[in-house]
Amino acid sequence: MTGELLTFIAILPDKEGAIGLRREKRPFHAERSIGLIKQGIYSYGGAMTNEPFDPASGGLPSIIGSVITIHAPSKDAVYELLQNDPYNNVWDFEKIQIVPFIVTPIPK
């Protein structure tokens, strides 16, 4: 990826009933995401849930999608990155949002 990088937030709802496929594809998605973080393309990301989740509960969260902060030259480049992700058949591309995002520096 070349050129000036802009920051975007990708809001990626899952397709209805995709939790099994999400679990199956997770190791491949995680491996790819770690590589993109190391390249400076992803800043952070995670799963969206439909209610707060306490990891100490021992249960599984009710995952309804993903959110990822992505650095790319354009919205089209973000869309292409997402299309090539192992979760590309988990996310509902008719409902995704790719929103430009301005990071506010926080003084230390």
PDB file of N, CA and C in Angstrom:
ATOM      1  N   MET A   1       0.848  -1.165   0.000  1.00  0.00           N
ATOM      2  CA  MET A   1       0.000   0.000   0.000  1.00  0.00           C
ATOM      3  C   MET A   1       0.897   1.231   0.000  1.00  0.00           C
ATOM      4  N   THR A   2       0.675   2.122  -0.962  1.00  0.00           N
ATOM      5  CA  THR A   2       1.526   3.299  -1.067  1.00  0.00           C
ATOM      6  C   THR A   2       0.678   4.563  -0.974  1.00  0.00           C
ATOM      7  N   GLY A   3       1.329   5.685  -0.843  1.00  0.00           N
ATOM      8  CA  GLY A   3       0.643   6.969  -0.763  1.00  0.00           C
ATOM      9  C   GLY A   3       0.336   7.332   0.676  1.00  0.00           C
ATOM     10  N   GLU A   4      -0.265   8.509   0.840  1.00  0.00           N
ATOM     11  CA  GLU A   4      -0.640   8.986   2.171  1.00  0.00           C
ATOM     12  C   GLU A   4      -1.740   8.095   2.737  1.00  0.00           C
ATOM     13  N   LEU A   5      -1.555   7.701   3.981  1.00  0.00           N
ATOM     14  CA  LEU A   5      -2.545   6.836   4.614  1.00  0.00           C
ATOM     15  C   LEU A   5      -3.505   7.673   5.451  1.00  0.00           C
ATOM     16  N   LEU A   6      -4.765   7.414   5.269  1.00  0.00           N
ATOM     17  CA  LEU A   6      -5.834   8.020   6.051  1.00  0.00           C
ATOM     18  C   LEU A   6      -6.317   6.975   7.046  1.00  0.00           C
ATOM     19  N   THR A   7      -7.034   7.401   8.057  1.00  0.00           N
ATOM     20  CA  THR A   7      -7.532   6.468   9.057  1.00  0.00           C
ATOM     21  C   THR A   7      -9.037   6.292   8.880  1.00  0.00           C
ATOM     22  N   PHE A   8      -9.470   5.043   8.965  1.00  0.00           N
ATOM     23  CA  PHE A   8     -10.878   4.690   8.839  1.00  0.00           C
ATOM     24  C   PHE A   8     -11.273   3.749   9.972  1.00  0.00           C
ATOM     25  N   ILE A   9     -12.536   3.819  10.353  1.00  0.00           N
ATOM     26  CA  ILE A   9     -13.127   2.818  11.239  1.00  0.00           C
ATOM     27  C   ILE A   9     -14.026   1.967  10.363  1.00  0.00           C
ATOM     28  N   ALA A  10     -13.837   0.667  10.406  1.00  0.00           N
ATOM     29  CA  ALA A  10     -14.717  -0.261   9.691  1.00  0.00           C
ATOM     30  C   ALA A  10     -15.630  -0.931  10.709  1.00  0.00           C
ATOM     31  N   ILE A  11     -16.932  -0.775  10.526  1.00  0.00           N
ATOM     32  CA  ILE A  11     -17.945  -1.391  11.371  1.00  0.00           C
ATOM     33  C   ILE A  11     -18.552  -2.520  10.541  1.00  0.00           C
ATOM     34  N   LEU A  12     -18.366  -3.746  11.018  1.00  0.00           N
ATOM     35  CA  LEU A  12     -18.617  -4.928  10.195  1.00  0.00           C
ATOM     36  C   LEU A  12     -19.593  -5.895  10.868  1.00  0.00           C
ATOM     37  N   PRO A  13     -20.895  -5.688  10.680  1.00  0.00           N
ATOM     38  CA  PRO A  13     -21.852  -6.629  11.263  1.00  0.00           C
ATOM     39  C   PRO A  13     -21.718  -8.004  10.605  1.00  0.00           C
ATOM     40  N   ASP A  14     -21.926  -9.033  11.400  1.00  0.00           N
ATOM     41  CA  ASP A  14     -21.913 -10.401  10.862  1.00  0.00           C
ATOM     42  C   ASP A  14     -23.223 -10.699  10.145  1.00  0.00           C
ATOM     43  N   LYS A  15     -23.151 -11.632   9.194  1.00  0.00           N
ATOM     44  CA  LYS A  15     -24.363 -12.174   8.587  1.00  0.00           C
ATOM     45  C   LYS A  15     -25.113 -12.960   9.664  1.00  0.00           C
ATOM     46  N   GLU A  16     -26.395 -13.034   9.528  1.00  0.00           N
ATOM     47  CA  GLU A  16     -27.220 -13.821  10.442  1.00  0.00           C
ATOM     48  C   GLU A  16     -26.740 -15.271  10.432  1.00  0.00           C
ATOM     49  N   GLY A  17     -26.538 -15.837  11.616  1.00  0.00           N
ATOM     50  CA  GLY A  17     -26.166 -17.243  11.741  1.00  0.00           C
ATOM     51  C   GLY A  17     -24.726 -17.565  11.379  1.00  0.00           C
ATOM     52  N   ALA A  18     -23.845 -16.572  11.361  1.00  0.00           N
ATOM     53  CA  ALA A  18     -22.458 -16.788  10.914  1.00  0.00           C
ATOM     54  C   ALA A  18     -21.504 -17.166  12.038  1.00  0.00           C
ATOM     55  N   ILE A  19     -21.991 -17.361  13.272  1.00  0.00           N
ATOM     56  CA  ILE A  19     -21.082 -17.588  14.401  1.00  0.00           C
ATOM     57  C   ILE A  19     -20.219 -18.837  14.219  1.00  0.00           C
ATOM     58  N   GLY A  20     -20.778 -19.910  13.673  1.00  0.00           N
ATOM     59  CA  GLY A  20     -19.981 -21.121  13.444  1.00  0.00           C
ATOM     60  C   GLY A  20     -18.859 -20.878  12.453  1.00  0.00           C
ATOM     61  N   LEU A  21     -19.167 -20.194  11.371  1.00  0.00           N
ATOM     62  CA  LEU A  21     -18.153 -19.865  10.367  1.00  0.00           C
ATOM     63  C   LEU A  21     -17.118 -18.905  10.950  1.00  0.00           C
ATOM     64  N   ARG A  22     -17.563 -17.966  11.784  1.00  0.00           N
ATOM     65  CA  ARG A  22     -16.640 -17.039  12.457  1.00  0.00           C
ATOM     66  C   ARG A  22     -15.639 -17.823  13.287  1.00  0.00           C
ATOM     67  N   ARG A  23     -16.109 -18.771  14.062  1.00  0.00           N
ATOM     68  CA  ARG A  23     -15.201 -19.572  14.905  1.00  0.00           C
ATOM     69  C   ARG A  23     -14.230 -20.384  14.053  1.00  0.00           C
ATOM     70  N   GLU A  24     -14.715 -20.916  12.951  1.00  0.00           N
ATOM     71  CA  GLU A  24     -13.862 -21.711  12.051  1.00  0.00           C
ATOM     72  C   GLU A  24     -12.762 -20.857  11.415  1.00  0.00           C
ATOM     73  N   LYS A  25     -13.092 -19.635  11.027  1.00  0.00           N
ATOM     74  CA  LYS A  25     -12.152 -18.760  10.311  1.00  0.00           C
ATOM     75  C   LYS A  25     -11.276 -17.920  11.242  1.00  0.00           C
ATOM     76  N   ARG A  26     -11.587 -17.902  12.543  1.00  0.00           N
ATOM     77  CA  ARG A  26     -10.892 -17.008  13.469  1.00  0.00           C
ATOM     78  C   ARG A  26      -9.372 -17.146  13.451  1.00  0.00           C
ATOM     79  N   PRO A  27      -8.805 -18.367  13.489  1.00  0.00           N
ATOM     80  CA  PRO A  27      -7.332 -18.450  13.491  1.00  0.00           C
ATOM     81  C   PRO A  27      -6.697 -17.797  12.260  1.00  0.00           C
ATOM     82  N   PHE A  28      -7.343 -17.926  11.109  1.00  0.00           N
ATOM     83  CA  PHE A  28      -6.808 -17.360   9.870  1.00  0.00           C
ATOM     84  C   PHE A  28      -6.964 -15.837   9.867  1.00  0.00           C
ATOM     85  N   HIS A  29      -8.115 -15.370  10.367  1.00  0.00           N
ATOM     86  CA  HIS A  29      -8.354 -13.927  10.489  1.00  0.00           C
ATOM     87  C   HIS A  29      -7.347 -13.314  11.467  1.00  0.00           C
ATOM     88  N   ALA A  30      -7.129 -13.962  12.603  1.00  0.00           N
ATOM     89  CA  ALA A  30      -6.207 -13.434  13.621  1.00  0.00           C
ATOM     90  C   ALA A  30      -4.780 -13.364  13.076  1.00  0.00           C
ATOM     91  N   GLU A  31      -4.347 -14.409  12.391  1.00  0.00           N
ATOM     92  CA  GLU A  31      -2.988 -14.426  11.829  1.00  0.00           C
ATOM     93  C   GLU A  31      -2.805 -13.285  10.825  1.00  0.00           C
ATOM     94  N   ARG A  32      -3.779 -13.094   9.950  1.00  0.00           N
ATOM     95  CA  ARG A  32      -3.700 -12.018   8.957  1.00  0.00           C
ATOM     96  C   ARG A  32      -3.716 -10.656   9.644  1.00  0.00           C
ATOM     97  N   SER A  33      -4.586 -10.498  10.637  1.00  0.00           N
ATOM     98  CA  SER A  33      -4.706  -9.219  11.341  1.00  0.00           C
ATOM     99  C   SER A  33      -3.409  -8.848  12.052  1.00  0.00           C
ATOM    100  N   ILE A  34      -2.758  -9.820  12.673  1.00  0.00           N
ATOM    101  CA  ILE A  34      -1.481  -9.562  13.342  1.00  0.00           C
ATOM    102  C   ILE A  34      -0.451  -9.057  12.333  1.00  0.00           C
ATOM    103  N   GLY A  35      -0.415  -9.662  11.163  1.00  0.00           N
ATOM    104  CA  GLY A  35       0.488  -9.204  10.113  1.00  0.00           C
ATOM    105  C   GLY A  35       0.194  -7.774   9.683  1.00  0.00           C
ATOM    106  N   LEU A  36      -1.095  -7.437   9.557  1.00  0.00           N
ATOM    107  CA  LEU A  36      -1.475  -6.081   9.158  1.00  0.00           C
ATOM    108  C   LEU A  36      -1.186  -5.064  10.263  1.00  0.00           C
ATOM    109  N   ILE A  37      -1.278  -5.486  11.516  1.00  0.00           N
ATOM    110  CA  ILE A  37      -0.901  -4.609  12.633  1.00  0.00           C
ATOM    111  C   ILE A  37       0.603  -4.327  12.565  1.00  0.00           C
ATOM    112  N   LYS A  38       1.398  -5.365  12.343  1.00  0.00           N
ATOM    113  CA  LYS A  38       2.854  -5.197  12.257  1.00  0.00           C
ATOM    114  C   LYS A  38       3.248  -4.286  11.101  1.00  0.00           C
ATOM    115  N   GLN A  39       2.448  -4.279  10.034  1.00  0.00           N
ATOM    116  CA  GLN A  39       2.715  -3.413   8.880  1.00  0.00           C
ATOM    117  C   GLN A  39       2.194  -1.989   9.088  1.00  0.00           C
ATOM    118  N   GLY A  40       1.473  -1.750  10.190  1.00  0.00           N
ATOM    119  CA  GLY A  40       0.923  -0.432  10.457  1.00  0.00           C
ATOM    120  C   GLY A  40      -0.371  -0.140   9.713  1.00  0.00           C
ATOM    121  N   ILE A  41      -0.994  -1.168   9.148  1.00  0.00           N
ATOM    122  CA  ILE A  41      -2.244  -0.982   8.405  1.00  0.00           C
ATOM    123  C   ILE A  41      -3.451  -1.048   9.345  1.00  0.00           C
ATOM    124  N   TYR A  42      -3.437  -1.965  10.292  1.00  0.00           N
ATOM    125  CA  TYR A  42      -4.468  -2.024  11.329  1.00  0.00           C
ATOM    126  C   TYR A  42      -3.875  -1.449  12.612  1.00  0.00           C
ATOM    127  N   SER A  43      -4.670  -0.657  13.337  1.00  0.00           N
ATOM    128  CA  SER A  43      -4.250  -0.193  14.663  1.00  0.00           C
ATOM    129  C   SER A  43      -4.788  -1.128  15.723  1.00  0.00           C
ATOM    130  N   TYR A  44      -6.067  -1.366  15.670  1.00  0.00           N
ATOM    131  CA  TYR A  44      -6.702  -2.270  16.629  1.00  0.00           C
ATOM    132  C   TYR A  44      -8.033  -2.721  16.052  1.00  0.00           C
ATOM    133  N   GLY A  45      -8.573  -3.729  16.646  1.00  0.00           N
ATOM    134  CA  GLY A  45      -9.873  -4.236  16.235  1.00  0.00           C
ATOM    135  C   GLY A  45     -10.393  -5.177  17.292  1.00  0.00           C
ATOM    136  N   GLY A  46     -11.623  -5.585  17.116  1.00  0.00           N
ATOM    137  CA  GLY A  46     -12.201  -6.509  18.067  1.00  0.00           C
ATOM    138  C   GLY A  46     -13.619  -6.855  17.686  1.00  0.00           C
ATOM    139  N   ALA A  47     -14.196  -7.707  18.510  1.00  0.00           N
ATOM    140  CA  ALA A  47     -15.553  -8.183  18.268  1.00  0.00           C
ATOM    141  C   ALA A  47     -16.575  -7.249  18.894  1.00  0.00           C
ATOM    142  N   MET A  48     -17.683  -7.059  18.189  1.00  0.00           N
ATOM    143  CA  MET A  48     -18.835  -6.352  18.747  1.00  0.00           C
ATOM    144  C   MET A  48     -19.748  -7.407  19.380  1.00  0.00           C
ATOM    145  N   THR A  49     -20.310  -7.072  20.518  1.00  0.00           N
ATOM    146  CA  THR A  49     -21.270  -7.960  21.172  1.00  0.00           C
ATOM    147  C   THR A  49     -22.584  -7.211  21.344  1.00  0.00           C
ATOM    148  N   ASN A  50     -23.668  -7.964  21.504  1.00  0.00           N
ATOM    149  CA  ASN A  50     -24.955  -7.291  21.673  1.00  0.00           C
ATOM    150  C   ASN A  50     -25.256  -6.965  23.130  1.00  0.00           C
ATOM    151  N   GLU A  51     -24.330  -7.340  24.016  1.00  0.00           N
ATOM    152  CA  GLU A  51     -24.453  -6.989  25.433  1.00  0.00           C
ATOM    153  C   GLU A  51     -23.069  -7.036  26.058  1.00  0.00           C
ATOM    154  N   PRO A  52     -22.866  -6.343  27.175  1.00  0.00           N
ATOM    155  CA  PRO A  52     -21.555  -6.389  27.831  1.00  0.00           C
ATOM    156  C   PRO A  52     -21.167  -7.834  28.159  1.00  0.00           C
ATOM    157  N   PHE A  53     -19.866  -8.107  28.103  1.00  0.00           N
ATOM    158  CA  PHE A  53     -19.376  -9.465  28.351  1.00  0.00           C
ATOM    159  C   PHE A  53     -18.287  -9.433  29.405  1.00  0.00           C
ATOM    160  N   ASP A  54     -18.382 -10.327  30.356  1.00  0.00           N
ATOM    161  CA  ASP A  54     -17.383 -10.476  31.409  1.00  0.00           C
ATOM    162  C   ASP A  54     -16.586 -11.748  31.142  1.00  0.00           C
ATOM    163  N   PRO A  55     -15.318 -11.630  30.702  1.00  0.00           N
ATOM    164  CA  PRO A  55     -14.515 -12.822  30.412  1.00  0.00           C
ATOM    165  C   PRO A  55     -14.389 -13.756  31.610  1.00  0.00           C
ATOM    166  N   ALA A  56     -14.501 -13.226  32.821  1.00  0.00           N
ATOM    167  CA  ALA A  56     -14.405 -14.055  34.024  1.00  0.00           C
ATOM    168  C   ALA A  56     -15.622 -14.961  34.197  1.00  0.00           C
ATOM    169  N   SER A  57     -16.671 -14.726  33.406  1.00  0.00           N
ATOM    170  CA  SER A  57     -17.892 -15.524  33.538  1.00  0.00           C
ATOM    171  C   SER A  57     -17.704 -16.964  33.075  1.00  0.00           C
ATOM    172  N   GLY A  58     -16.664 -17.200  32.260  1.00  0.00           N
ATOM    173  CA  GLY A  58     -16.417 -18.541  31.754  1.00  0.00           C
ATOM    174  C   GLY A  58     -17.258 -18.891  30.537  1.00  0.00           C
ATOM    175  N   GLY A  59     -18.181 -18.028  30.157  1.00  0.00           N
ATOM    176  CA  GLY A  59     -19.022 -18.274  28.987  1.00  0.00           C
ATOM    177  C   GLY A  59     -18.403 -17.702  27.728  1.00  0.00           C
ATOM    178  N   LEU A  60     -19.177 -17.720  26.662  1.00  0.00           N
ATOM    179  CA  LEU A  60     -18.753 -17.151  25.394  1.00  0.00           C
ATOM    180  C   LEU A  60     -19.556 -15.883  25.120  1.00  0.00           C
ATOM    181  N   PRO A  61     -18.918 -14.860  24.547  1.00  0.00           N
ATOM    182  CA  PRO A  61     -19.669 -13.647  24.226  1.00  0.00           C
ATOM    183  C   PRO A  61     -20.621 -13.892  23.052  1.00  0.00           C
ATOM    184  N   SER A  62     -21.659 -13.104  22.983  1.00  0.00           N
ATOM    185  CA  SER A  62     -22.590 -13.144  21.859  1.00  0.00           C
ATOM    186  C   SER A  62     -22.086 -12.148  20.811  1.00  0.00           C
ATOM    187  N   ILE A  63     -21.262 -12.641  19.894  1.00  0.00           N
ATOM    188  CA  ILE A  63     -20.597 -11.772  18.911  1.00  0.00           C
ATOM    189  C   ILE A  63     -21.547 -11.478  17.756  1.00  0.00           C
ATOM    190  N   ILE A  64     -21.610 -10.189  17.399  1.00  0.00           N
ATOM    191  CA  ILE A  64     -22.492  -9.780  16.304  1.00  0.00           C
ATOM    192  C   ILE A  64     -21.730  -9.094  15.167  1.00  0.00           C
ATOM    193  N   GLY A  65     -20.394  -9.006  15.273  1.00  0.00           N
ATOM    194  CA  GLY A  65     -19.616  -8.383  14.217  1.00  0.00           C
ATOM    195  C   GLY A  65     -18.253  -7.941  14.718  1.00  0.00           C
ATOM    196  N   SER A  66     -17.610  -7.101  13.927  1.00  0.00           N
ATOM    197  CA  SER A  66     -16.254  -6.634  14.218  1.00  0.00           C
ATOM    198  C   SER A  66     -16.159  -5.132  14.010  1.00  0.00           C
ATOM    199  N   VAL A  67     -15.158  -4.530  14.654  1.00  0.00           N
ATOM    200  CA  VAL A  67     -14.773  -3.140  14.414  1.00  0.00           C
ATOM    201  C   VAL A  67     -13.256  -3.142  14.251  1.00  0.00           C
ATOM    202  N   ILE A  68     -12.767  -2.461  13.212  1.00  0.00           N
ATOM    203  CA  ILE A  68     -11.328  -2.405  12.962  1.00  0.00           C
ATOM    204  C   ILE A  68     -10.951  -0.971  12.593  1.00  0.00           C
ATOM    205  N   THR A  69      -9.848  -0.490  13.161  1.00  0.00           N
ATOM    206  CA  THR A  69      -9.274   0.786  12.743  1.00  0.00           C
ATOM    207  C   THR A  69      -8.211   0.474  11.693  1.00  0.00           C
ATOM    208  N   ILE A  70      -8.373   1.083  10.519  1.00  0.00           N
ATOM    209  CA  ILE A  70      -7.538   0.739   9.360  1.00  0.00           C
ATOM    210  C   ILE A  70      -6.913   2.010   8.783  1.00  0.00           C
ATOM    211  N   HIS A  71      -5.623   1.915   8.439  1.00  0.00           N
ATOM    212  CA  HIS A  71      -4.905   3.011   7.786  1.00  0.00           C
ATOM    213  C   HIS A  71      -4.714   2.613   6.320  1.00  0.00           C
ATOM    214  N   ALA A  72      -5.280   3.415   5.429  1.00  0.00           N
ATOM    215  CA  ALA A  72      -5.234   3.102   4.001  1.00  0.00           C
ATOM    216  C   ALA A  72      -5.339   4.400   3.204  1.00  0.00           C
ATOM    217  N   PRO A  73      -4.968   4.369   1.925  1.00  0.00           N
ATOM    218  CA  PRO A  73      -5.025   5.595   1.126  1.00  0.00           C
ATOM    219  C   PRO A  73      -6.438   6.014   0.729  1.00  0.00           C
ATOM    220  N   SER A  74      -7.402   5.083   0.801  1.00  0.00           N
ATOM    221  CA  SER A  74      -8.764   5.420   0.375  1.00  0.00           C
ATOM    222  C   SER A  74      -9.769   4.425   0.961  1.00  0.00           C
ATOM    223  N   LYS A  75     -11.022   4.819   0.899  1.00  0.00           N
ATOM    224  CA  LYS A  75     -12.107   3.937   1.329  1.00  0.00           C
ATOM    225  C   LYS A  75     -12.137   2.667   0.467  1.00  0.00           C
ATOM    226  N   ASP A  76     -11.861   2.822  -0.827  1.00  0.00           N
ATOM    227  CA  ASP A  76     -11.824   1.658  -1.718  1.00  0.00           C
ATOM    228  C   ASP A  76     -10.737   0.673  -1.303  1.00  0.00           C
ATOM    229  N   ALA A  77      -9.595   1.193  -0.859  1.00  0.00           N
ATOM    230  CA  ALA A  77      -8.507   0.312  -0.403  1.00  0.00           C
ATOM    231  C   ALA A  77      -8.916  -0.438   0.859  1.00  0.00           C
ATOM    232  N   VAL A  78      -9.664   0.219   1.749  1.00  0.00           N
ATOM    233  CA  VAL A  78     -10.169  -0.453   2.943  1.00  0.00           C
ATOM    234  C   VAL A  78     -11.115  -1.577   2.530  1.00  0.00           C
ATOM    235  N   TYR A  79     -12.024  -1.274   1.628  1.00  0.00           N
ATOM    236  CA  TYR A  79     -12.989  -2.276   1.154  1.00  0.00           C
ATOM    237  C   TYR A  79     -12.258  -3.490   0.574  1.00  0.00           C
ATOM    238  N   GLU A  80     -11.211  -3.238  -0.193  1.00  0.00           N
ATOM    239  CA  GLU A  80     -10.429  -4.334  -0.783  1.00  0.00           C
ATOM    240  C   GLU A  80      -9.755  -5.177   0.305  1.00  0.00           C
ATOM    241  N   LEU A  81      -9.185  -4.519   1.310  1.00  0.00           N
ATOM    242  CA  LEU A  81      -8.586  -5.259   2.434  1.00  0.00           C
ATOM    243  C   LEU A  81      -9.616  -6.175   3.093  1.00  0.00           C
ATOM    244  N   LEU A  82     -10.814  -5.639   3.311  1.00  0.00           N
ATOM    245  CA  LEU A  82     -11.859  -6.407   3.976  1.00  0.00           C
ATOM    246  C   LEU A  82     -12.349  -7.566   3.100  1.00  0.00           C
ATOM    247  N   GLN A  83     -12.438  -7.337   1.807  1.00  0.00           N
ATOM    248  CA  GLN A  83     -12.864  -8.400   0.880  1.00  0.00           C
ATOM    249  C   GLN A  83     -11.878  -9.567   0.882  1.00  0.00           C
ATOM    250  N   ASN A  84     -10.601  -9.283   1.179  1.00  0.00           N
ATOM    251  CA  ASN A  84      -9.572 -10.314   1.172  1.00  0.00           C
ATOM    252  C   ASN A  84      -9.325 -10.934   2.541  1.00  0.00           C
ATOM    253  N   ASP A  85     -10.134 -10.587   3.519  1.00  0.00           N
ATOM    254  CA  ASP A  85     -10.000 -11.125   4.874  1.00  0.00           C
ATOM    255  C   ASP A  85     -10.681 -12.492   4.968  1.00  0.00           C
ATOM    256  N   PRO A  86     -10.145 -13.396   5.790  1.00  0.00           N
ATOM    257  CA  PRO A  86     -10.813 -14.690   5.984  1.00  0.00           C
ATOM    258  C   PRO A  86     -12.256 -14.576   6.490  1.00  0.00           C
ATOM    259  N   TYR A  87     -12.609 -13.455   7.096  1.00  0.00           N
ATOM    260  CA  TYR A  87     -13.998 -13.240   7.541  1.00  0.00           C
ATOM    261  C   TYR A  87     -14.881 -12.668   6.425  1.00  0.00           C
ATOM    262  N   ASN A  88     -14.388 -12.635   5.193  1.00  0.00           N
ATOM    263  CA  ASN A  88     -15.156 -11.997   4.125  1.00  0.00           C
ATOM    264  C   ASN A  88     -16.526 -12.644   3.898  1.00  0.00           C
ATOM    265  N   ASN A  89     -16.685 -13.903   4.289  1.00  0.00           N
ATOM    266  CA  ASN A  89     -18.003 -14.536   4.166  1.00  0.00           C
ATOM    267  C   ASN A  89     -18.734 -14.607   5.515  1.00  0.00           C
ATOM    268  N   VAL A  90     -18.163 -13.978   6.537  1.00  0.00           N
ATOM    269  CA  VAL A  90     -18.804 -13.837   7.852  1.00  0.00           C
ATOM    270  C   VAL A  90     -19.500 -12.479   7.925  1.00  0.00           C
ATOM    271  N   TRP A  91     -18.812 -11.444   7.479  1.00  0.00           N
ATOM    272  CA  TRP A  91     -19.362 -10.091   7.543  1.00  0.00           C
ATOM    273  C   TRP A  91     -20.431  -9.883   6.478  1.00  0.00           C
ATOM    274  N   ASP A  92     -21.425  -9.091   6.811  1.00  0.00           N
ATOM    275  CA  ASP A  92     -22.509  -8.755   5.891  1.00  0.00           C
ATOM    276  C   ASP A  92     -22.115  -7.482   5.139  1.00  0.00           C
ATOM    277  N   PHE A  93     -21.570  -7.642   3.946  1.00  0.00           N
ATOM    278  CA  PHE A  93     -21.045  -6.500   3.199  1.00  0.00           C
ATOM    279  C   PHE A  93     -22.127  -5.520   2.758  1.00  0.00           C
ATOM    280  N   GLU A  94     -23.387  -5.911   2.823  1.00  0.00           N
ATOM    281  CA  GLU A  94     -24.466  -4.967   2.524  1.00  0.00           C
ATOM    282  C   GLU A  94     -24.705  -4.007   3.679  1.00  0.00           C
ATOM    283  N   LYS A  95     -24.177  -4.344   4.870  1.00  0.00           N
ATOM    284  CA  LYS A  95     -24.412  -3.528   6.059  1.00  0.00           C
ATOM    285  C   LYS A  95     -23.147  -2.885   6.628  1.00  0.00           C
ATOM    286  N   ILE A  96     -21.984  -3.162   6.047  1.00  0.00           N
ATOM    287  CA  ILE A  96     -20.762  -2.610   6.627  1.00  0.00           C
ATOM    288  C   ILE A  96     -20.727  -1.091   6.466  1.00  0.00           C
ATOM    289  N   GLN A  97     -19.998  -0.454   7.368  1.00  0.00           N
ATOM    290  CA  GLN A  97     -19.747   0.984   7.287  1.00  0.00           C
ATOM    291  C   GLN A  97     -18.234   1.200   7.337  1.00  0.00           C
ATOM    292  N   ILE A  98     -17.750   2.018   6.435  1.00  0.00           N
ATOM    293  CA  ILE A  98     -16.347   2.425   6.434  1.00  0.00           C
ATOM    294  C   ILE A  98     -16.362   3.936   6.584  1.00  0.00           C
ATOM    295  N   VAL A  99     -15.898   4.410   7.747  1.00  0.00           N
ATOM    296  CA  VAL A  99     -16.048   5.813   8.114  1.00  0.00           C
ATOM    297  C   VAL A  99     -14.673   6.445   8.308  1.00  0.00           C
ATOM    298  N   PRO A 100     -14.405   7.579   7.650  1.00  0.00           N
ATOM    299  CA  PRO A 100     -13.151   8.286   7.933  1.00  0.00           C
ATOM    300  C   PRO A 100     -13.098   8.669   9.413  1.00  0.00           C
ATOM    301  N   PHE A 101     -11.901   8.626   9.971  1.00  0.00           N
ATOM    302  CA  PHE A 101     -11.731   8.800  11.410  1.00  0.00           C
ATOM    303  C   PHE A 101     -10.531   9.690  11.657  1.00  0.00           C
ATOM    304  N   ILE A 102     -10.705  10.675  12.531  1.00  0.00           N
ATOM    305  CA  ILE A 102      -9.597  11.563  12.902  1.00  0.00           C
ATOM    306  C   ILE A 102      -9.160  11.193  14.318  1.00  0.00           C
ATOM    307  N   VAL A 103      -7.927  10.799  14.437  1.00  0.00           N
ATOM    308  CA  VAL A 103      -7.377  10.434  15.746  1.00  0.00           C
ATOM    309  C   VAL A 103      -6.953  11.705  16.466  1.00  0.00           C
ATOM    310  N   THR A 104      -7.444  11.891  17.668  1.00  0.00           N
ATOM    311  CA  THR A 104      -7.073  13.049  18.482  1.00  0.00           C
ATOM    312  C   THR A 104      -5.899  12.669  19.368  1.00  0.00           C
ATOM    313  N   PRO A 105      -4.779  13.353  19.222  1.00  0.00           N
ATOM    314  CA  PRO A 105      -3.625  13.037  20.076  1.00  0.00           C
ATOM    315  C   PRO A 105      -3.951  13.337  21.544  1.00  0.00           C
ATOM    316  N   ILE A 106      -3.540  12.465  22.404  1.00  0.00           N
ATOM    317  CA  ILE A 106      -3.737  12.647  23.841  1.00  0.00           C
ATOM    318  C   ILE A 106      -2.390  12.974  24.452  1.00  0.00           C
ATOM    319  N   PRO A 107      -2.284  14.140  25.110  1.00  0.00           N
ATOM    320  CA  PRO A 107      -0.997  14.498  25.725  1.00  0.00           C
ATOM    321  C   PRO A 107      -0.626  13.514  26.817  1.00  0.00           C
ATOM    322  N   LYS A 108       0.657  13.246  26.935  1.00  0.00           N
ATOM    323  CA  LYS A 108       1.129  12.312  27.968  1.00  0.00           C
ATOM    324  C   LYS A 108       1.470  13.052  29.218  1.00  0.00           C
TER     325      LYS A 108
END
